[in-house]
C-alpha atoms as a PDB file:
ATOM      1  CA  LEU A   1     -28.914 -53.376  -1.508  1.00  0.00           C
ATOM      2  CA  HIS A   2     -31.592 -55.158  -0.694  1.00  0.00           C
ATOM      3  CA  ALA A   3     -32.119 -58.515   0.464  1.00  0.00           C
ATOM      4  CA  SER A   4     -34.841 -60.299   1.967  1.00  0.00           C
ATOM      5  CA  CYS A   5     -35.203 -63.627   4.478  1.00  0.00           C
ATOM      6  CA  ASP A   6     -38.688 -64.968   5.913  1.00  0.00           C
ATOM      7  CA  GLY A   7     -40.107 -61.834   5.644  1.00  0.00           C
ATOM      8  CA  TRP A   8     -37.594 -59.815   6.999  1.00  0.00           C
ATOM      9  CA  PRO A   9     -35.972 -57.251   4.488  1.00  0.00           C
ATOM     10  CA  ILE A  10     -32.972 -55.088   4.755  1.00  0.00           C
ATOM     11  CA  ASP A  11     -32.179 -51.958   2.493  1.00  0.00           C
ATOM     12  CA  LEU A  12     -28.569 -50.614   2.650  1.00  0.00           C
ATOM     13  CA  GLU A  13     -26.718 -47.795   0.782  1.00  0.00           C
ATOM     14  CA  LEU A  14     -23.802 -49.120  -0.715  1.00  0.00           C
ATOM     15  CA  ASP A  15     -21.529 -45.785  -0.792  1.00  0.00           C
ATOM     16  CA  ASP A  16     -19.023 -45.575  -3.521  1.00  0.00           C
ATOM     17  CA  LEU A  17     -19.180 -41.951  -3.973  1.00  0.00           C
ATOM     18  CA  ASP A  18     -19.001 -39.647  -0.987  1.00  0.00           C
ATOM     19  CA  PRO A  19     -15.969 -37.894  -1.002  1.00  0.00           C
ATOM     20  CA  TYR A  20     -15.601 -37.923   2.904  1.00  0.00           C
ATOM     21  CA  ARG A  21     -16.370 -41.818   3.190  1.00  0.00           C
ATOM     22  CA  ASP A  22     -12.852 -42.871   3.873  1.00  0.00           C
ATOM     23  CA  SER A  23     -11.927 -40.583   6.507  1.00  0.00           C
ATOM     24  CA  PRO A  24      -9.839 -42.761   8.400  1.00  0.00           C
ATOM     25  CA  GLY A  25      -7.645 -43.390   5.552  1.00  0.00           C
ATOM     26  CA  LEU A  26      -8.500 -47.466   4.961  1.00  0.00           C
ATOM     27  CA  GLY A  27      -8.304 -47.267   0.749  1.00  0.00           C
ATOM     28  CA  ALA A  28     -12.044 -46.575   0.306  1.00  0.00           C
ATOM     29  CA  ALA A  29     -12.743 -48.217  -3.159  1.00  0.00           C
ATOM     30  CA  ASP A  30     -13.278 -45.901  -6.446  1.00  0.00           C
ATOM     31  CA  ARG A  31     -16.554 -46.402  -8.475  1.00  0.00           C
ATOM     32  CA  LEU A  32     -17.887 -49.724  -8.433  1.00  0.00           C
ATOM     33  CA  HIS A  33     -19.243 -51.272 -11.596  1.00  0.00           C
ATOM     34  CA  SER A  34     -22.478 -53.090 -12.330  1.00  0.00           C
ATOM     35  CA  SER A  35     -21.218 -56.545 -11.829  1.00  0.00           C
ATOM     36  CA  GLU A  36     -19.392 -55.600  -8.538  1.00  0.00           C
ATOM     37  CA  ILE A  37     -22.575 -54.189  -7.358  1.00  0.00           C
ATOM     38  CA  HIS A  38     -24.875 -57.300  -8.386  1.00  0.00           C
ATOM     39  CA  GLU A  39     -21.904 -59.446  -6.452  1.00  0.00           C
ATOM     40  CA  TRP A  40     -22.055 -57.265  -3.281  1.00  0.00           C
ATOM     41  CA  ASN A  41     -26.270 -57.402  -3.274  1.00  0.00           C
ATOM     42  CA  ALA A  42     -25.685 -61.620  -3.282  1.00  0.00           C
ATOM     43  CA  GLN A  43     -23.026 -61.605  -0.687  1.00  0.00           C
ATOM     44  CA  LEU A  44     -25.737 -59.560   1.098  1.00  0.00           C
ATOM     45  CA  ALA A  45     -28.598 -61.772   0.464  1.00  0.00           C
ATOM     46  CA  ASP A  46     -26.381 -64.600   1.790  1.00  0.00           C
ATOM     47  CA  ALA A  47     -25.289 -63.118   5.341  1.00  0.00           C
ATOM     48  CA  TRP A  48     -28.941 -62.104   5.758  1.00  0.00           C
ATOM     49  CA  SER A  49     -30.389 -65.520   4.707  1.00  0.00           C
ATOM     50  CA  VAL A  50     -27.623 -66.408   7.723  1.00  0.00           C
ATOM     51  CA  LEU A  51     -28.516 -64.101  10.293  1.00  0.00           C
ATOM     52  CA  VAL A  52     -32.239 -63.794   9.822  1.00  0.00           C
ATOM     53  CA  THR A  53     -32.211 -68.072  10.020  1.00  0.00           C
ATOM     54  CA  ARG A  54     -29.658 -68.937  12.898  1.00  0.00           C
ATOM     55  CA  HIS A  55     -29.081 -65.136  14.105  1.00  0.00           C
ATOM     56  CA  CYS A  56     -32.455 -63.288  14.582  1.00  0.00           C
ATOM     57  CA  ASP A  57     -31.657 -60.916  17.445  1.00  0.00           C
ATOM     58  CA  ASP A  58     -28.773 -59.656  15.229  1.00  0.00           C
ATOM     59  CA  ALA A  59     -30.504 -59.467  12.347  1.00  0.00           C
ATOM     60  CA  ALA A  60     -33.246 -57.154  13.667  1.00  0.00           C
ATOM     61  CA  ALA A  61     -30.762 -55.136  15.374  1.00  0.00           C
ATOM     62  CA  ILE A  62     -28.319 -55.146  11.911  1.00  0.00           C
ATOM     63  CA  ALA A  63     -31.628 -54.230  10.506  1.00  0.00           C
ATOM     64  CA  ALA A  64     -32.511 -50.967  12.766  1.00  0.00           C
ATOM     65  CA  GLY A  65     -28.710 -49.975  13.489  1.00  0.00           C
ATOM     66  CA  LEU A  66     -26.916 -50.243   9.927  1.00  0.00           C
ATOM     67  CA  GLN A  67     -27.790 -47.812   7.388  1.00  0.00           C
ATOM     68  CA  THR A  68     -24.281 -48.147   4.604  1.00  0.00           C
ATOM     69  CA  LEU A  69     -21.586 -50.116   3.542  1.00  0.00           C
ATOM     70  CA  VAL A  70     -18.173 -48.324   2.322  1.00  0.00           C
ATOM     71  CA  PRO A  71     -16.995 -50.549   0.112  1.00  0.00           C
ATOM     72  CA  LEU A  72     -12.943 -50.705   0.783  1.00  0.00           C
ATOM     73  CA  THR A  73     -10.320 -51.506  -1.699  1.00  0.00           C
ATOM     74  CA  GLY A  74      -9.565 -55.560  -1.541  1.00  0.00           C
ATOM     75  CA  ARG A  75      -6.719 -57.148   0.340  1.00  0.00           C
ATOM     76  CA  GLY A  76      -5.846 -59.872  -1.259  1.00  0.00           C
ATOM     77  CA  ILE A  77      -7.660 -63.650  -1.334  1.00  0.00           C
ATOM     78  CA  ALA A  78      -6.779 -64.296   2.063  1.00  0.00           C
ATOM     79  CA  SER A  79      -7.288 -61.291   3.966  1.00  0.00           C
ATOM     80  CA  SER A  80      -9.821 -59.049   4.258  1.00  0.00           C
ATOM     81  CA  ALA A  81     -11.052 -55.596   6.383  1.00  0.00           C
ATOM     82  CA  SER A  82     -13.455 -53.799   8.238  1.00  0.00           C
ATOM     83  CA  SER A  83     -14.055 -50.241  10.449  1.00  0.00           C
ATOM     84  CA  THR A  84     -16.387 -48.477  12.139  1.00  0.00           C
ATOM     85  CA  SER A  85     -15.704 -44.807  12.819  1.00  0.00           C
ATOM     86  CA  ARG A  86     -16.812 -43.907  16.119  1.00  0.00           C
ATOM     87  CA  TYR A  87     -18.500 -40.617  14.680  1.00  0.00           C
ATOM     88  CA  ALA A  88     -20.349 -41.996  11.359  1.00  0.00           C
ATOM     89  CA  SER A  89     -22.538 -44.429  13.426  1.00  0.00           C
ATOM     90  CA  GLY A  90     -24.989 -47.002  10.941  1.00  0.00           C
ATOM     91  CA  ALA A  91     -21.897 -46.860   8.824  1.00  0.00           C
ATOM     92  CA  VAL A  92     -19.192 -49.800   7.858  1.00  0.00           C
ATOM     93  CA  LEU A  93     -15.979 -49.807   5.642  1.00  0.00           C
ATOM     94  CA  LEU A  94     -15.015 -53.109   4.560  1.00  0.00           C
ATOM     95  CA  THR A  95     -14.029 -55.057   1.779  1.00  0.00           C
ATOM     96  CA  ARG A  96     -15.772 -57.956   0.109  1.00  0.00           C
ATOM     97  CA  GLN A  97     -16.080 -60.752   2.195  1.00  0.00           C
ATOM     98  CA  PRO A  98     -14.957 -64.424   1.331  1.00  0.00           C
ATOM     99  CA  ASP A  99     -18.845 -65.448   1.949  1.00  0.00           C
ATOM    100  CA  GLY A 100     -22.253 -64.481   3.307  1.00  0.00           C
ATOM    101  CA  THR A 101     -21.304 -65.797   6.335  1.00  0.00           C
ATOM    102  CA  PHE A 102     -18.054 -64.097   6.825  1.00  0.00           C
ATOM    103  CA  LEU A 103     -20.205 -61.126   5.679  1.00  0.00           C
ATOM    104  CA  ALA A 104     -22.592 -62.063   8.243  1.00  0.00           C
ATOM    105  CA  LYS A 105     -20.095 -62.278  11.190  1.00  0.00           C
ATOM    106  CA  THR A 106     -18.476 -59.063  10.345  1.00  0.00           C
ATOM    107  CA  LEU A 107     -21.673 -56.852  10.429  1.00  0.00           C
ATOM    108  CA  VAL A 108     -22.608 -58.485  13.568  1.00  0.00           C
ATOM    109  CA  HIS A 109     -18.744 -57.522  14.678  1.00  0.00           C
ATOM    110  CA  GLU A 110     -18.937 -54.121  13.431  1.00  0.00           C
ATOM    111  CA  LEU A 111     -22.645 -53.160  14.812  1.00  0.00           C
ATOM    112  CA  GLN A 112     -20.960 -54.096  18.788  1.00  0.00           C
ATOM    113  CA  HIS A 113     -18.400 -51.169  17.886  1.00  0.00           C
ATOM    114  CA  SER A 114     -20.963 -48.811  16.596  1.00  0.00           C
ATOM    115  CA  LYS A 115     -23.091 -49.549  19.711  1.00  0.00           C
ATOM    116  CA  LEU A 116     -20.376 -49.457  21.891  1.00  0.00           C
ATOM    117  CA  ASN A 117     -19.206 -45.892  20.428  1.00  0.00           C
ATOM    118  CA  LEU A 118     -23.000 -44.788  21.207  1.00  0.00           C
ATOM    119  CA  LEU A 119     -22.993 -46.017  24.997  1.00  0.00           C
ATOM    120  CA  MET A 120     -19.281 -44.234  25.762  1.00  0.00           C
ATOM    121  CA  ASP A 121     -20.433 -41.284  24.075  1.00  0.00           C
ATOM    122  CA  SER A 122     -23.045 -41.142  26.531  1.00  0.00           C
ATOM    123  CA  ILE A 123     -21.553 -42.400  30.106  1.00  0.00           C
ATOM    124  CA  SER A 124     -17.684 -42.821  31.113  1.00  0.00           C
ATOM    125  CA  LEU A 125     -16.784 -47.417  31.147  1.00  0.00           C
ATOM    126  CA  TYR A 126     -13.692 -47.124  32.305  1.00  0.00           C
ATOM    127  CA  ARG A 127     -10.969 -44.246  34.431  1.00  0.00           C
ATOM    128  CA  GLY A 128      -7.438 -43.772  33.924  1.00  0.00           C
ATOM    129  CA  GLY A 129      -5.893 -45.793  31.909  1.00  0.00           C
ATOM    130  CA  ALA A 130      -6.423 -43.979  28.946  1.00  0.00           C
ATOM    131  CA  ASP A 131      -2.885 -43.275  27.625  1.00  0.00           C
ATOM    132  CA  GLU A 132      -1.378 -46.599  28.612  1.00  0.00           C
ATOM    133  CA  LEU A 133      -1.221 -49.432  26.128  1.00  0.00           C
ATOM    134  CA  PHE A 134      -2.030 -53.248  26.778  1.00  0.00           C
ATOM    135  CA  TYR A 135      -1.723 -56.612  25.193  1.00  0.00           C
ATOM    136  CA  SER A 136      -4.404 -56.927  22.780  1.00  0.00           C
ATOM    137  CA  PRO A 137      -4.665 -60.780  22.474  1.00  0.00           C
ATOM    138  CA  TRP A 138      -6.750 -59.927  18.613  1.00  0.00           C
ATOM    139  CA  ARG A 139      -4.445 -57.090  17.421  1.00  0.00           C
ATOM    140  CA  GLU A 140      -0.544 -57.350  16.712  1.00  0.00           C
ATOM    141  CA  ASP A 141      -0.372 -53.577  17.830  1.00  0.00           C
ATOM    142  CA  PRO A 142      -0.581 -53.083  21.779  1.00  0.00           C
ATOM    143  CA  ARG A 143      -4.273 -51.589  22.651  1.00  0.00           C
ATOM    144  CA  PRO A 144      -4.982 -48.719  24.874  1.00  0.00           C
ATOM    145  CA  LEU A 145      -7.993 -49.328  27.275  1.00  0.00           C
ATOM    146  CA  GLY A 146     -10.956 -48.695  25.664  1.00  0.00           C
ATOM    147  CA  GLY A 147      -9.701 -50.298  22.360  1.00  0.00           C
ATOM    148  CA  LEU A 148      -9.430 -53.470  24.550  1.00  0.00           C
ATOM    149  CA  LEU A 149     -12.816 -52.631  25.996  1.00  0.00           C
ATOM    150  CA  HIS A 150     -13.976 -52.880  21.880  1.00  0.00           C
ATOM    151  CA  GLY A 151     -12.165 -55.939  21.321  1.00  0.00           C
ATOM    152  CA  VAL A 152     -14.096 -57.974  24.007  1.00  0.00           C
ATOM    153  CA  TYR A 153     -17.236 -56.698  23.260  1.00  0.00           C
ATOM    154  CA  ALA A 154     -16.711 -57.196  19.517  1.00  0.00           C
ATOM    155  CA  GLY A 155     -15.699 -60.302  20.415  1.00  0.00           C
ATOM    156  CA  LEU A 156     -18.239 -61.792  23.020  1.00  0.00           C
ATOM    157  CA  ALA A 157     -20.719 -61.206  20.102  1.00  0.00           C
ATOM    158  CA  VAL A 158     -18.417 -63.206  17.551  1.00  0.00           C
ATOM    159  CA  ALA A 159     -17.916 -65.653  19.935  1.00  0.00           C
ATOM    160  CA  ARG A 160     -21.375 -65.995  19.802  1.00  0.00           C
ATOM    161  CA  PHE A 161     -22.102 -65.678  16.258  1.00  0.00           C
ATOM    162  CA  TRP A 162     -19.336 -68.868  15.697  1.00  0.00           C
ATOM    163  CA  HIS A 163     -20.773 -70.796  18.698  1.00  0.00           C
ATOM    164  CA  ALA A 164     -24.266 -71.060  16.939  1.00  0.00           C
ATOM    165  CA  GLU A 165     -23.075 -71.622  13.658  1.00  0.00           C
ATOM    166  CA  CYS A 166     -21.437 -74.970  14.830  1.00  0.00           C
ATOM    167  CA  ASP A 167     -25.290 -76.360  14.407  1.00  0.00           C
ATOM    168  CA  GLY A 168     -25.663 -74.516  11.268  1.00  0.00           C
ATOM    169  CA  PRO A 169     -25.663 -76.643   7.664  1.00  0.00           C
ATOM    170  CA  ASP A 170     -22.057 -76.131   7.417  1.00  0.00           C
ATOM    171  CA  GLY A 171     -21.116 -78.106  10.508  1.00  0.00           C
ATOM    172  CA  VAL A 172     -18.522 -77.603  13.094  1.00  0.00           C
ATOM    173  CA  GLY A 173     -15.430 -77.515  11.145  1.00  0.00           C
ATOM    174  CA  LEU A 174     -14.500 -73.794  10.499  1.00  0.00           C
ATOM    175  CA  ALA A 175     -17.334 -72.534  13.233  1.00  0.00           C
ATOM    176  CA  GLU A 176     -15.736 -74.830  15.894  1.00  0.00           C
ATOM    177  CA  PHE A 177     -12.657 -73.615  15.119  1.00  0.00           C
ATOM    178  CA  GLU A 178     -13.414 -69.267  14.623  1.00  0.00           C
ATOM    179  CA  PHE A 179     -15.088 -69.883  18.048  1.00  0.00           C
ATOM    180  CA  THR A 180     -12.356 -71.925  19.704  1.00  0.00           C
ATOM    181  CA  ARG A 181      -9.875 -68.892  18.814  1.00  0.00           C
ATOM    182  CA  ILE A 182     -12.271 -65.795  19.605  1.00  0.00           C
ATOM    183  CA  ARG A 183     -13.359 -67.611  22.881  1.00  0.00           C
ATOM    184  CA  GLY A 184      -9.249 -67.913  23.838  1.00  0.00           C
ATOM    185  CA  GLN A 185      -8.797 -64.280  22.655  1.00  0.00           C
ATOM    186  CA  VAL A 186     -11.523 -62.666  24.458  1.00  0.00           C
ATOM    187  CA  GLU A 187     -10.688 -65.036  27.999  1.00  0.00           C
ATOM    188  CA  ILE A 188      -6.791 -63.493  27.655  1.00  0.00           C
ATOM    189  CA  GLY A 189      -8.621 -59.924  27.115  1.00  0.00           C
END
């Protein structure tokens, strides 16, 4: 996949072939048709425009830190999924997002997980509590302490993203709602 905006290019591999691309068992998509690849590329172009024009620091980090998108099987019109493996830095598994803005937000979110995973491989960020489970305001299931840390770290970036989107061309409707929702979750977390 390739996109460019204001002289900032991004090139990503769209991996629909590697037999080990679905190691977490999330449902990697089968081989994509050329029309589906075109749709992924068009959505990346839209997302890249959002990132470069309103989130340039995130755009620079994504261009440097992201290498591969692994398409997941769709989950219906109202549901999307994404994931980053601790052991596959630079790769994001995801369903096609509703639009370019949501893809931009998802890339920001998942890159935070990759960055935190790399940091956690280098130093210990917390003691104890590894076997305990805690309430997580952004998930239905209880999470270990590391999962809460990931949620807060990624949530702060997503809150920053939606806050900036409030000044975007689409106005404050959805962006204000999403910002308020994620801010409340991070405050509780």
